[in-house]
Amino acid sequence: MSILILAEHDGKHIKQSTRQAVTAAGAWQLPVHLLVTGSNSTDLASEAAGIAGVAKVLHADAAQFEHPLAEDVAALLVQLGTDYKVILSAHTAFSKSVLPRVAALLDVAMVSDAISITAPATYVRPIYAGNVLTTVESSDAIQVVTVRATSFAAAAGGASAEVAAVNVPASAGLSRWIREDKTVSDRPELSSARVVVSGGRSLAERFDELLEPLAHHFGAALGATRAAVDAGFAPNDIQVGQTGTIVAPELYFAIGISGAMQHLAGMKDSKIIVAINHDPDAPIFQYADYGLVANLFDAVPELTKALS
């Protein structure tokens, strides 16, 4: 038996979260197969074949996967999945729409957001916004699992796995792709950035003015609290937290962030946390490695200037 991982990509490169899922799959010590879907995606399949730890790449190249829909990817995984012990993916927005469908169609339970795996079927996953860790065990013949990518190191390159084409079932036709609106930025992807500079609602209309120069100095990704996003000061795609992106960078700046439970769930695994807040009793200081009690409208420009 083997492990099947659903690979994610941006049309040009395999995402780092997939490399981290490959590392997580090492817990089973079984051959790892990577499923790459796409249209005219030979280069992506070749890149996937170079990931260390991957024994085989299943390449599903079809017009319907130019913009993959959850129903079509799920149907393909169900077609392939009966030959595997584990169907695995990173816990991303896309996989969260695909793997629950797969589990339902296979009539098995699903384990989501695992941060630790003890083969063959025991997992640790956070609940209550990460305040409680629960250990669960699945007795199903096929394990369907998503993993929190930030809990695992990314697999290296340098391998040369076999690439095999797979038959693709006809499109379900239950939904259709209309369009996508992307935010184009030269900043690193939030989920994989080494440094993240995040701000809260208190930054108000000066969110970009204060944070972008600091982020530029570090080559960092920008992040925001849900309150800042809901207030319209920051775009939805940079929200960090329980209902946003989970991050664990080497350095995390929490600027004007009080430390609500929902936000902490998305960033408290950061290696170093630097907090700037005017409230000395803000909960964020309980998690920060370095804390500065100051007016952020004065402190952030001074910090940026000092680093320049």
C-alpha atoms as a PDB file:
ATOM      1  CA  MET A   1       0.000   0.000   0.000  1.00  0.00           C
ATOM      2  CA  SER A   2       1.053   3.592  -0.626  1.00  0.00           C
ATOM      3  CA  ILE A   3       0.161   7.185   0.246  1.00  0.00           C
ATOM      4  CA  LEU A   4      -1.496   9.516  -2.252  1.00  0.00           C
ATOM      5  CA  ILE A   5      -0.920  13.252  -1.801  1.00  0.00           C
ATOM      6  CA  LEU A   6      -2.958  15.863  -3.637  1.00  0.00           C
ATOM      7  CA  ALA A   7      -0.447  18.397  -4.919  1.00  0.00           C
ATOM      8  CA  GLU A   8      -1.303  22.074  -5.098  1.00  0.00           C
ATOM      9  CA  HIS A   9       0.275  24.606  -7.415  1.00  0.00           C
ATOM     10  CA  ASP A  10      -0.189  28.120  -8.728  1.00  0.00           C
ATOM     11  CA  GLY A  11       0.040  27.094 -12.360  1.00  0.00           C
ATOM     12  CA  LYS A  12       3.791  27.642 -12.392  1.00  0.00           C
ATOM     13  CA  HIS A  13       5.241  25.912  -9.338  1.00  0.00           C
ATOM     14  CA  ILE A  14       4.307  23.309  -6.753  1.00  0.00           C
ATOM     15  CA  LYS A  15       3.379  25.070  -3.524  1.00  0.00           C
ATOM     16  CA  GLN A  16       5.569  24.699  -0.452  1.00  0.00           C
ATOM     17  CA  SER A  17       2.617  23.315   1.529  1.00  0.00           C
ATOM     18  CA  THR A  18       2.715  20.234  -0.729  1.00  0.00           C
ATOM     19  CA  ARG A  19       6.398  19.723   0.062  1.00  0.00           C
ATOM     20  CA  GLN A  20       5.514  19.933   3.755  1.00  0.00           C
ATOM     21  CA  ALA A  21       2.760  17.353   3.252  1.00  0.00           C
ATOM     22  CA  VAL A  22       5.360  15.022   1.714  1.00  0.00           C
ATOM     23  CA  THR A  23       7.399  15.329   4.913  1.00  0.00           C
ATOM     24  CA  ALA A  24       4.299  14.566   6.997  1.00  0.00           C
ATOM     25  CA  ALA A  25       3.674  11.439   4.912  1.00  0.00           C
ATOM     26  CA  GLY A  26       7.030  10.092   6.064  1.00  0.00           C
ATOM     27  CA  ALA A  27       5.356   9.039   9.323  1.00  0.00           C
ATOM     28  CA  TRP A  28       3.957   5.958   7.560  1.00  0.00           C
ATOM     29  CA  GLN A  29       7.235   4.899   5.954  1.00  0.00           C
ATOM     30  CA  LEU A  30       5.336   3.895   2.826  1.00  0.00           C
ATOM     31  CA  PRO A  31       5.868   4.870  -0.825  1.00  0.00           C
ATOM     32  CA  VAL A  32       4.526   8.364  -1.521  1.00  0.00           C
ATOM     33  CA  HIS A  33       2.689   9.132  -4.747  1.00  0.00           C
ATOM     34  CA  LEU A  34       1.898  12.708  -5.717  1.00  0.00           C
ATOM     35  CA  LEU A  35      -1.181  13.573  -7.794  1.00  0.00           C
ATOM     36  CA  VAL A  36      -0.673  16.614 -10.022  1.00  0.00           C
ATOM     37  CA  THR A  37      -3.723  17.969 -11.841  1.00  0.00           C
ATOM     38  CA  GLY A  38      -3.608  20.614 -14.521  1.00  0.00           C
ATOM     39  CA  SER A  39      -3.834  21.461 -18.211  1.00  0.00           C
ATOM     40  CA  ASN A  40      -0.624  21.450 -20.241  1.00  0.00           C
ATOM     41  CA  SER A  41       1.123  20.869 -16.941  1.00  0.00           C
ATOM     42  CA  THR A  42       4.108  18.748 -17.926  1.00  0.00           C
ATOM     43  CA  ASP A  43       6.532  21.148 -16.247  1.00  0.00           C
ATOM     44  CA  LEU A  44       4.602  20.923 -12.973  1.00  0.00           C
ATOM     45  CA  ALA A  45       4.725  17.125 -13.077  1.00  0.00           C
ATOM     46  CA  SER A  46       8.478  17.275 -13.673  1.00  0.00           C
ATOM     47  CA  GLU A  47       8.927  19.623 -10.728  1.00  0.00           C
ATOM     48  CA  ALA A  48       6.866  17.314  -8.521  1.00  0.00           C
ATOM     49  CA  ALA A  49       9.029  14.373  -9.577  1.00  0.00           C
ATOM     50  CA  GLY A  50      12.061  16.173  -8.167  1.00  0.00           C
ATOM     51  CA  ILE A  51      10.710  16.367  -4.614  1.00  0.00           C
ATOM     52  CA  ALA A  52      12.661  14.154  -2.223  1.00  0.00           C
ATOM     53  CA  GLY A  53      10.548  11.368  -0.793  1.00  0.00           C
ATOM     54  CA  VAL A  54       8.191  11.090  -3.768  1.00  0.00           C
ATOM     55  CA  ALA A  55       8.286   7.661  -5.393  1.00  0.00           C
ATOM     56  CA  LYS A  56       5.840   8.345  -8.221  1.00  0.00           C
ATOM     57  CA  VAL A  57       3.944  11.258  -9.756  1.00  0.00           C
ATOM     58  CA  LEU A  58       0.451  10.658 -11.115  1.00  0.00           C
ATOM     59  CA  HIS A  59      -0.160  13.247 -13.797  1.00  0.00           C
ATOM     60  CA  ALA A  60      -3.782  14.119 -14.578  1.00  0.00           C
ATOM     61  CA  ASP A  61      -3.585  16.460 -17.557  1.00  0.00           C
ATOM     62  CA  ALA A  62      -6.981  17.526 -18.893  1.00  0.00           C
ATOM     63  CA  ALA A  63      -8.730  20.676 -20.037  1.00  0.00           C
ATOM     64  CA  GLN A  64     -11.115  20.559 -17.063  1.00  0.00           C
ATOM     65  CA  PHE A  65      -8.145  20.964 -14.704  1.00  0.00           C
ATOM     66  CA  GLU A  66      -7.002  24.266 -16.182  1.00  0.00           C
ATOM     67  CA  HIS A  67      -9.114  25.721 -13.377  1.00  0.00           C
ATOM     68  CA  PRO A  68      -9.705  22.669 -11.147  1.00  0.00           C
ATOM     69  CA  LEU A  69     -13.068  22.393  -9.417  1.00  0.00           C
ATOM     70  CA  ALA A  70     -13.600  20.485  -6.194  1.00  0.00           C
ATOM     71  CA  GLU A  71     -16.110  18.048  -7.710  1.00  0.00           C
ATOM     72  CA  ASP A  72     -13.814  17.004 -10.557  1.00  0.00           C
ATOM     73  CA  VAL A  73     -10.711  16.607  -8.388  1.00  0.00           C
ATOM     74  CA  ALA A  74     -12.699  14.641  -5.806  1.00  0.00           C
ATOM     75  CA  ALA A  75     -14.001  12.270  -8.487  1.00  0.00           C
ATOM     76  CA  LEU A  76     -10.441  11.621  -9.651  1.00  0.00           C
ATOM     77  CA  LEU A  77      -9.223  10.989  -6.104  1.00  0.00           C
ATOM     78  CA  VAL A  78     -12.068   8.553  -5.469  1.00  0.00           C
ATOM     79  CA  GLN A  79     -11.211   6.715  -8.686  1.00  0.00           C
ATOM     80  CA  LEU A  80      -7.596   6.364  -7.572  1.00  0.00           C
ATOM     81  CA  GLY A  81      -8.050   6.237  -3.817  1.00  0.00           C
ATOM     82  CA  THR A  82      -9.123   2.636  -3.328  1.00  0.00           C
ATOM     83  CA  ASP A  83      -5.561   1.565  -4.152  1.00  0.00           C
ATOM     84  CA  TYR A  84      -4.084   3.635  -1.307  1.00  0.00           C
ATOM     85  CA  LYS A  85      -3.883   3.412   2.442  1.00  0.00           C
ATOM     86  CA  VAL A  86      -3.799   7.190   2.961  1.00  0.00           C
ATOM     87  CA  ILE A  87      -5.105  10.155   0.947  1.00  0.00           C
ATOM     88  CA  LEU A  88      -3.352  13.248   2.203  1.00  0.00           C
ATOM     89  CA  SER A  89      -3.107  16.971   1.551  1.00  0.00           C
ATOM     90  CA  ALA A  90      -2.073  20.171   3.251  1.00  0.00           C
ATOM     91  CA  HIS A  91      -4.890  21.877   5.171  1.00  0.00           C
ATOM     92  CA  THR A  92      -5.529  24.630   2.625  1.00  0.00           C
ATOM     93  CA  ALA A  93      -8.675  26.299   1.345  1.00  0.00           C
ATOM     94  CA  PHE A  94      -8.658  24.121  -1.781  1.00  0.00           C
ATOM     95  CA  SER A  95      -8.068  20.795  -0.048  1.00  0.00           C
ATOM     96  CA  LYS A  96     -10.722  21.640   2.537  1.00  0.00           C
ATOM     97  CA  SER A  97     -13.242  21.713  -0.306  1.00  0.00           C
ATOM     98  CA  VAL A  98     -11.941  18.528  -1.968  1.00  0.00           C
ATOM     99  CA  LEU A  99     -11.025  15.981   0.708  1.00  0.00           C
ATOM    100  CA  PRO A 100     -14.303  16.077   2.673  1.00  0.00           C
ATOM    101  CA  ARG A 101     -16.049  15.131  -0.589  1.00  0.00           C
ATOM    102  CA  VAL A 102     -13.569  12.293  -1.069  1.00  0.00           C
ATOM    103  CA  ALA A 103     -14.140  10.995   2.456  1.00  0.00           C
ATOM    104  CA  ALA A 104     -17.904  11.094   2.008  1.00  0.00           C
ATOM    105  CA  LEU A 105     -17.788   9.285  -1.339  1.00  0.00           C
ATOM    106  CA  LEU A 106     -15.473   6.626   0.115  1.00  0.00           C
ATOM    107  CA  ASP A 107     -17.697   6.392   3.210  1.00  0.00           C
ATOM    108  CA  VAL A 108     -14.824   6.986   5.637  1.00  0.00           C
ATOM    109  CA  ALA A 109     -14.150   9.551   8.334  1.00  0.00           C
ATOM    110  CA  MET A 110     -11.832  12.469   7.757  1.00  0.00           C
ATOM    111  CA  VAL A 111      -9.137  13.801  10.055  1.00  0.00           C
ATOM    112  CA  SER A 112      -8.397  17.480   9.469  1.00  0.00           C
ATOM    113  CA  ASP A 113      -5.565  19.828  10.415  1.00  0.00           C
ATOM    114  CA  ALA A 114      -3.283  17.212  11.966  1.00  0.00           C
ATOM    115  CA  ILE A 115      -0.118  18.623  13.515  1.00  0.00           C
ATOM    116  CA  SER A 116       1.414  15.279  14.488  1.00  0.00           C
ATOM    117  CA  ILE A 117       1.046  11.763  13.083  1.00  0.00           C
ATOM    118  CA  THR A 118       1.742   8.414  14.684  1.00  0.00           C
ATOM    119  CA  ALA A 119       1.306   5.737  12.054  1.00  0.00           C
ATOM    120  CA  PRO A 120      -0.772   3.940  11.158  1.00  0.00           C
ATOM    121  CA  ALA A 121      -3.843   5.898  12.305  1.00  0.00           C
ATOM    122  CA  THR A 122      -3.294   8.190  15.307  1.00  0.00           C
ATOM    123  CA  TYR A 123      -3.243  11.962  14.985  1.00  0.00           C
ATOM    124  CA  VAL A 124      -2.907  15.068  17.138  1.00  0.00           C
ATOM    125  CA  ARG A 125      -5.014  18.019  16.050  1.00  0.00           C
ATOM    126  CA  PRO A 126      -5.873  21.367  17.671  1.00  0.00           C
ATOM    127  CA  ILE A 127      -9.401  22.302  18.749  1.00  0.00           C
ATOM    128  CA  TYR A 128     -10.903  25.354  20.491  1.00  0.00           C
ATOM    129  CA  ALA A 129      -8.720  27.736  18.472  1.00  0.00           C
ATOM    130  CA  GLY A 130      -5.605  25.774  19.348  1.00  0.00           C
ATOM    131  CA  ASN A 131      -6.101  25.946  23.113  1.00  0.00           C
ATOM    132  CA  VAL A 132      -6.620  22.186  23.362  1.00  0.00           C
ATOM    133  CA  LEU A 133      -4.792  19.409  21.538  1.00  0.00           C
ATOM    134  CA  THR A 134      -6.767  16.234  20.999  1.00  0.00           C
ATOM    135  CA  THR A 135      -5.471  12.809  20.016  1.00  0.00           C
ATOM    136  CA  VAL A 136      -7.750  10.911  17.653  1.00  0.00           C
ATOM    137  CA  GLU A 137      -7.553   7.482  16.054  1.00  0.00           C
ATOM    138  CA  SER A 138      -9.276   6.325  12.899  1.00  0.00           C
ATOM    139  CA  SER A 139     -10.224   2.720  12.241  1.00  0.00           C
ATOM    140  CA  ASP A 140     -11.082   3.224   8.562  1.00  0.00           C
ATOM    141  CA  ALA A 141      -9.321   1.186   5.908  1.00  0.00           C
ATOM    142  CA  ILE A 142      -8.495   4.360   3.973  1.00  0.00           C
ATOM    143  CA  GLN A 143      -7.242   7.317   5.953  1.00  0.00           C
ATOM    144  CA  VAL A 144      -8.275  10.727   4.571  1.00  0.00           C
ATOM    145  CA  VAL A 145      -6.179  13.414   6.262  1.00  0.00           C
ATOM    146  CA  THR A 146      -5.208  17.060   5.947  1.00  0.00           C
ATOM    147  CA  VAL A 147      -2.146  18.302   7.800  1.00  0.00           C
ATOM    148  CA  ARG A 148      -1.172  21.726   9.089  1.00  0.00           C
ATOM    149  CA  ALA A 149       1.711  22.451   6.749  1.00  0.00           C
ATOM    150  CA  THR A 150       3.523  24.780   9.149  1.00  0.00           C
ATOM    151  CA  SER A 151       4.017  21.865  11.569  1.00  0.00           C
ATOM    152  CA  PHE A 152       6.307  20.065   9.116  1.00  0.00           C
ATOM    153  CA  ALA A 153       9.511  20.970   7.317  1.00  0.00           C
ATOM    154  CA  ALA A 154       9.424  21.231   3.541  1.00  0.00           C
ATOM    155  CA  ALA A 155      10.839  18.282   1.597  1.00  0.00           C
ATOM    156  CA  ALA A 156      13.960  19.096  -0.382  1.00  0.00           C
ATOM    157  CA  GLY A 157      14.538  18.597  -4.090  1.00  0.00           C
ATOM    158  CA  GLY A 158      17.020  16.520  -5.992  1.00  0.00           C
ATOM    159  CA  ALA A 159      14.938  13.399  -6.608  1.00  0.00           C
ATOM    160  CA  SER A 160      13.821  11.874  -9.905  1.00  0.00           C
ATOM    161  CA  ALA A 161      10.549  10.022  -9.514  1.00  0.00           C
ATOM    162  CA  GLU A 162       8.595   8.230 -12.214  1.00  0.00           C
ATOM    163  CA  VAL A 163       5.824  10.263 -13.887  1.00  0.00           C
ATOM    164  CA  ALA A 164       2.766   8.318 -15.030  1.00  0.00           C
ATOM    165  CA  ALA A 165      -0.313   9.632 -16.824  1.00  0.00           C
ATOM    166  CA  VAL A 166      -3.685   8.690 -15.338  1.00  0.00           C
ATOM    167  CA  ASN A 167      -7.119   8.406 -16.912  1.00  0.00           C
ATOM    168  CA  VAL A 168      -9.336  11.330 -15.981  1.00  0.00           C
ATOM    169  CA  PRO A 169     -13.089  10.865 -15.435  1.00  0.00           C
ATOM    170  CA  ALA A 170     -15.466  13.142 -17.308  1.00  0.00           C
ATOM    171  CA  SER A 171     -16.264  16.464 -15.683  1.00  0.00           C
ATOM    172  CA  ALA A 172     -19.159  16.287 -13.240  1.00  0.00           C
ATOM    173  CA  GLY A 173     -20.599  19.494 -14.625  1.00  0.00           C
ATOM    174  CA  LEU A 174     -21.996  20.438 -11.210  1.00  0.00           C
ATOM    175  CA  SER A 175     -20.217  23.775 -11.109  1.00  0.00           C
ATOM    176  CA  ARG A 176     -18.266  25.952 -13.497  1.00  0.00           C
ATOM    177  CA  TRP A 177     -15.331  28.305 -13.240  1.00  0.00           C
ATOM    178  CA  ILE A 178     -16.234  31.886 -14.091  1.00  0.00           C
ATOM    179  CA  ARG A 179     -13.219  34.003 -13.215  1.00  0.00           C
ATOM    180  CA  GLU A 180     -10.653  34.738 -10.553  1.00  0.00           C
ATOM    181  CA  ASP A 181      -9.344  38.038  -9.282  1.00  0.00           C
ATOM    182  CA  LYS A 182      -5.769  37.794  -8.029  1.00  0.00           C
ATOM    183  CA  THR A 183      -3.804  40.242  -5.972  1.00  0.00           C
ATOM    184  CA  VAL A 184      -0.484  40.586  -7.777  1.00  0.00           C
ATOM    185  CA  SER A 185       2.407  41.259  -5.417  1.00  0.00           C
ATOM    186  CA  ASP A 186       6.147  40.849  -5.345  1.00  0.00           C
ATOM    187  CA  ARG A 187       5.928  39.853  -1.685  1.00  0.00           C
ATOM    188  CA  PRO A 188       6.364  36.205  -0.641  1.00  0.00           C
ATOM    189  CA  GLU A 189       3.310  34.026  -0.133  1.00  0.00           C
ATOM    190  CA  LEU A 190       1.907  34.566   3.352  1.00  0.00           C
ATOM    191  CA  SER A 191       1.736  30.898   4.343  1.00  0.00           C
ATOM    192  CA  SER A 192       5.410  30.243   3.522  1.00  0.00           C
ATOM    193  CA  ALA A 193       7.086  33.593   4.268  1.00  0.00           C
ATOM    194  CA  ARG A 194      10.125  33.621   6.590  1.00  0.00           C
ATOM    195  CA  VAL A 195       9.025  36.984   8.033  1.00  0.00           C
ATOM    196  CA  VAL A 196       5.476  38.295   8.466  1.00  0.00           C
ATOM    197  CA  VAL A 197       4.530  41.846   9.439  1.00  0.00           C
ATOM    198  CA  SER A 198       0.946  41.917  10.701  1.00  0.00           C
ATOM    199  CA  GLY A 199      -1.263  44.773  11.821  1.00  0.00           C
ATOM    200  CA  GLY A 200      -4.521  45.203  13.667  1.00  0.00           C
ATOM    201  CA  ARG A 201      -7.559  47.422  13.296  1.00  0.00           C
ATOM    202  CA  SER A 202      -5.974  50.238  15.311  1.00  0.00           C
ATOM    203  CA  LEU A 203      -3.736  51.060  12.336  1.00  0.00           C
ATOM    204  CA  ALA A 204      -6.895  52.193  10.504  1.00  0.00           C
ATOM    205  CA  GLU A 205      -6.290  53.991   7.202  1.00  0.00           C
ATOM    206  CA  ARG A 206      -2.531  54.077   7.843  1.00  0.00           C
ATOM    207  CA  PHE A 207      -2.235  50.275   7.642  1.00  0.00           C
ATOM    208  CA  ASP A 208      -0.245  50.208   4.385  1.00  0.00           C
ATOM    209  CA  GLU A 209       1.606  53.447   5.087  1.00  0.00           C
ATOM    210  CA  LEU A 210       3.116  52.139   8.324  1.00  0.00           C
ATOM    211  CA  LEU A 211       3.580  48.449   7.592  1.00  0.00           C
ATOM    212  CA  GLU A 212       4.747  48.304   3.982  1.00  0.00           C
ATOM    213  CA  PRO A 213       8.128  50.035   4.559  1.00  0.00           C
ATOM    214  CA  LEU A 214       8.887  47.679   7.456  1.00  0.00           C
ATOM    215  CA  ALA A 215       7.817  44.644   5.438  1.00  0.00           C
ATOM    216  CA  HIS A 216       9.909  45.825   2.488  1.00  0.00           C
ATOM    217  CA  HIS A 217      13.038  45.985   4.671  1.00  0.00           C
ATOM    218  CA  PHE A 218      12.679  42.303   5.636  1.00  0.00           C
ATOM    219  CA  GLY A 219      11.281  41.054   2.325  1.00  0.00           C
ATOM    220  CA  ALA A 220       8.306  40.055   4.450  1.00  0.00           C
ATOM    221  CA  ALA A 221       4.706  39.155   3.763  1.00  0.00           C
ATOM    222  CA  LEU A 222       1.967  41.399   5.098  1.00  0.00           C
ATOM    223  CA  GLY A 223      -0.640  39.991   7.481  1.00  0.00           C
ATOM    224  CA  ALA A 224      -3.703  41.344   9.220  1.00  0.00           C
ATOM    225  CA  THR A 225      -6.209  40.500  11.907  1.00  0.00           C
ATOM    226  CA  ARG A 226      -9.783  39.647  11.022  1.00  0.00           C
ATOM    227  CA  ALA A 227     -10.893  42.947  12.592  1.00  0.00           C
ATOM    228  CA  ALA A 228      -8.608  44.878  10.239  1.00  0.00           C
ATOM    229  CA  VAL A 229      -9.943  42.938   7.261  1.00  0.00           C
ATOM    230  CA  ASP A 230     -13.586  43.351   8.292  1.00  0.00           C
ATOM    231  CA  ALA A 231     -13.044  47.087   8.725  1.00  0.00           C
ATOM    232  CA  GLY A 232     -11.718  47.317   5.167  1.00  0.00           C
ATOM    233  CA  PHE A 233      -8.176  48.344   6.091  1.00  0.00           C
ATOM    234  CA  ALA A 234      -6.598  45.171   4.666  1.00  0.00           C
ATOM    235  CA  PRO A 235      -7.564  42.652   1.951  1.00  0.00           C
ATOM    236  CA  ASN A 236      -9.091  39.316   2.860  1.00  0.00           C
ATOM    237  CA  ASP A 237      -6.231  37.246   1.455  1.00  0.00           C
ATOM    238  CA  ILE A 238      -3.749  38.437   4.099  1.00  0.00           C
ATOM    239  CA  GLN A 239      -5.904  37.578   7.117  1.00  0.00           C
ATOM    240  CA  VAL A 240      -3.995  35.562   9.710  1.00  0.00           C
ATOM    241  CA  GLY A 241      -5.843  33.443  12.234  1.00  0.00           C
ATOM    242  CA  GLN A 242      -8.313  30.652  12.819  1.00  0.00           C
ATOM    243  CA  THR A 243     -10.492  31.732   9.890  1.00  0.00           C
ATOM    244  CA  GLY A 244      -7.580  32.947   7.776  1.00  0.00           C
ATOM    245  CA  THR A 245      -4.072  31.680   7.039  1.00  0.00           C
ATOM    246  CA  ILE A 246      -2.059  29.702   9.584  1.00  0.00           C
ATOM    247  CA  VAL A 247       1.553  30.897   9.645  1.00  0.00           C
ATOM    248  CA  ALA A 248       4.702  29.920  11.509  1.00  0.00           C
ATOM    249  CA  PRO A 249       7.464  32.199  10.201  1.00  0.00           C
ATOM    250  CA  GLU A 250      10.893  32.663  11.709  1.00  0.00           C
ATOM    251  CA  LEU A 251       9.932  36.230  12.687  1.00  0.00           C
ATOM    252  CA  TYR A 252       6.424  37.607  13.270  1.00  0.00           C
ATOM    253  CA  PHE A 253       5.654  41.264  13.959  1.00  0.00           C
ATOM    254  CA  ALA A 254       2.335  41.802  15.746  1.00  0.00           C
ATOM    255  CA  ILE A 255       1.698  45.540  15.474  1.00  0.00           C
ATOM    256  CA  GLY A 256      -1.366  46.983  17.104  1.00  0.00           C
ATOM    257  CA  ILE A 257      -2.670  43.461  17.707  1.00  0.00           C
ATOM    258  CA  SER A 258      -4.229  42.753  21.092  1.00  0.00           C
ATOM    259  CA  GLY A 259      -3.917  38.979  20.865  1.00  0.00           C
ATOM    260  CA  ALA A 260      -7.451  37.648  20.447  1.00  0.00           C
ATOM    261  CA  MET A 261      -7.719  33.865  20.651  1.00  0.00           C
ATOM    262  CA  GLN A 262      -8.705  33.546  16.988  1.00  0.00           C
ATOM    263  CA  HIS A 263      -5.610  35.431  15.828  1.00  0.00           C
ATOM    264  CA  LEU A 264      -3.254  33.633  18.189  1.00  0.00           C
ATOM    265  CA  ALA A 265      -4.432  30.311  16.750  1.00  0.00           C
ATOM    266  CA  GLY A 266      -2.944  31.345  13.421  1.00  0.00           C
ATOM    267  CA  MET A 267       0.489  32.615  14.494  1.00  0.00           C
ATOM    268  CA  LYS A 268       1.519  31.472  17.947  1.00  0.00           C
ATOM    269  CA  ASP A 269       3.841  28.796  16.505  1.00  0.00           C
ATOM    270  CA  SER A 270       6.061  31.534  15.031  1.00  0.00           C
ATOM    271  CA  LYS A 271       9.702  31.126  16.051  1.00  0.00           C
ATOM    272  CA  ILE A 272      10.129  34.732  17.280  1.00  0.00           C
ATOM    273  CA  ILE A 273       7.208  37.086  17.990  1.00  0.00           C
ATOM    274  CA  VAL A 274       7.733  40.836  18.311  1.00  0.00           C
ATOM    275  CA  ALA A 275       4.719  42.765  19.641  1.00  0.00           C
ATOM    276  CA  ILE A 276       4.130  46.523  19.641  1.00  0.00           C
ATOM    277  CA  ASN A 277       1.047  47.726  21.484  1.00  0.00           C
ATOM    278  CA  HIS A 278       0.120  50.699  23.636  1.00  0.00           C
ATOM    279  CA  ASP A 279      -1.712  48.468  26.154  1.00  0.00           C
ATOM    280  CA  PRO A 280       0.721  46.794  28.597  1.00  0.00           C
ATOM    281  CA  ASP A 281      -1.967  44.252  29.514  1.00  0.00           C
ATOM    282  CA  ALA A 282      -2.641  43.122  25.946  1.00  0.00           C
ATOM    283  CA  PRO A 283      -2.733  39.277  25.763  1.00  0.00           C
ATOM    284  CA  ILE A 284      -0.256  39.288  22.877  1.00  0.00           C
ATOM    285  CA  PHE A 285       2.548  40.091  25.315  1.00  0.00           C
ATOM    286  CA  GLN A 286       2.052  36.686  26.977  1.00  0.00           C
ATOM    287  CA  TYR A 287       3.207  35.052  23.735  1.00  0.00           C
ATOM    288  CA  ALA A 288       5.713  37.625  22.498  1.00  0.00           C
ATOM    289  CA  ASP A 289       9.450  37.027  22.756  1.00  0.00           C
ATOM    290  CA  TYR A 290      10.006  40.785  22.553  1.00  0.00           C
ATOM    291  CA  GLY A 291       7.392  43.361  23.525  1.00  0.00           C
ATOM    292  CA  LEU A 292       7.311  47.126  23.212  1.00  0.00           C
ATOM    293  CA  VAL A 293       4.643  49.160  25.006  1.00  0.00           C
ATOM    294  CA  ALA A 294       4.439  52.294  22.880  1.00  0.00           C
ATOM    295  CA  ASN A 295       2.342  54.351  20.522  1.00  0.00           C
ATOM    296  CA  LEU A 296       2.678  52.360  17.304  1.00  0.00           C
ATOM    297  CA  PHE A 297       2.274  55.491  15.152  1.00  0.00           C
ATOM    298  CA  ASP A 298       5.571  56.691  16.616  1.00  0.00           C
ATOM    299  CA  ALA A 299       7.321  53.373  17.233  1.00  0.00           C
ATOM    300  CA  VAL A 300       6.869  51.746  13.820  1.00  0.00           C
ATOM    301  CA  PRO A 301       8.335  54.642  11.759  1.00  0.00           C
ATOM    302  CA  GLU A 302      11.230  54.888  14.237  1.00  0.00           C
ATOM    303  CA  LEU A 303      11.894  51.160  13.977  1.00  0.00           C
ATOM    304  CA  THR A 304      11.749  51.271  10.187  1.00  0.00           C
ATOM    305  CA  LYS A 305      14.122  54.241  10.102  1.00  0.00           C
ATOM    306  CA  ALA A 306      16.560  52.541  12.492  1.00  0.00           C
ATOM    307  CA  LEU A 307      16.656  49.441  10.284  1.00  0.00           C
ATOM    308  CA  SER A 308      17.229  51.382   7.074  1.00  0.00           C
END
